[in-house]
Amino acid sequence: MKHATNGFALLTAVAVLFIALTVSLGAQESFEAESDSYRIISEVGETHATQTAARLEALLRLYNQQFRFPLETLEEPLRVRIFADRDRYDAYLRRLIGERRQGFVYLHYRDAAKSELVGYHSEDTSLNQSMIHQSFVQFLRAFVPHPPLWIREGFAVYYERSVYDPDFDTAIYHENLAWLDTLKDIVAGETDYDPIPLGQMLAITPAAAQEQLDTFYPQAWGMISFFLNADDPDVNRILWDSLSALDAEADLAENIETVYRSAFRWVDQTELTTDFLAYLDGRRSFRGWITHGLAAYENEDLPTAEQAFVQAIRLEEDNYVPYYYLGLINYRRQNYGLADYYYQEAIATGAEEALTLYALGVNAYADNRFDDAVSFLEETVQSDPSYRDRAEDLLVRIRG
């Protein structure tokens, strides 16, 4: 695998051509980059066009690890258009579809050469997830124009947190648990929305899905997560049989029927639903692990709390809460060096400064590192004078 030589990965076996364009929305210079599978038109610049092509090629390779489509059979490169700002993007969509969209959108036409993924440049990270979602839809529909919606949208959500590593020119899958707590609340009857029965999910139409978006998206993601991650290989096989049954020439109704006959016809749907609910019950999101850890900590069950907070860090390494509580746990165990490490990580990830500095001071005092304790306690008071009395109590003990 080749490494980058100029800040982003080189496109392998690709001729990159930059062409100054004038688009019909007005005078705005655009640049085009062509890769193995993509044609990028970007108003942002030459580098952006090339980087976008490399990134989407890597994502396509990630998607195709599951689908194994023959990429060489693509008759037309996948077309992507990125505008320099939201206003130009809105104007373009209003002209084509008569409405605005919040993020990227994939416009699908019978003529593959006209189909395109459209978006605009922004530093908003949520827009990145939108691009990944719609790029998956574009990828899938390039080979199967009318797949069942639970497959199309379930996988699109499943991949949303994937990231691109330009140094290794690869896309790395990160599990997306954003819908997990919502889905658990839905199936537990704790929302205003009723779960969509399995039979209806398998046959759902775009209009029906649109009417139940608050339920459809979490359930579609949940089905893909379940079929991929269940311990039972017979459950995993349901998904593989579903994917292998997809027909590029079939319409939506035909693909729904083919997938049902190939993968679900002989399945006990009641038993499958029970297994699905059990799978959800055994999964926890970041929020779920934090809640579990806090309950265990309050109950003095430090091993369970520690395990929960470690699991939380694996899901979100930039949130301070699990680091802070791991600091408290290790302080209580008299593992002062490790407690210091976790408190420092908590500060680095946004913990309340005065609270954590005070914890560092208490920890250093317990470890007989009195100079460090004084430094932390003085910083605590500078950060928040309301800690003065508590800090002075320890400082008096240290100074004798």
Foldseek 3Di string as FASTA:
>chain_A
DAFDDPPFADAPPADFAWDFDQDPVGGATWTWTDGLAEIEIESPDDVVRRRVVLQLVQLLVVLCVQQVDPSVPQPDHAYEYEYADQVSLQVVCCVPPNGHDDEWAWDDDPPRVPTHIYGYDDPDVVNQLVSQLRSQLSSVCSQAVAAQPLVNLLVSQQQSPWDADRRVSHIGGAGDCVLLVVQLCQPVVNDPDHADQPVCSLQPDPVRCVVVVSRNNSVSNLLVCCLCPPPDVLSVVLVVQLSVQRDNPDHNNVSSVSSCVRRPVPPPSVVVVVSSSVVSVPDDALVRLCVQLVVCVVVVNLVSNLVSLVVSCVNPVLALVSLQVVLVSCLVVLVLVSSLVSLVSSVVSPHQQLVSLQSNLVSCVSVVVNVSNLVSLVVSCVSPVVCVVVSVVVVVVSVD
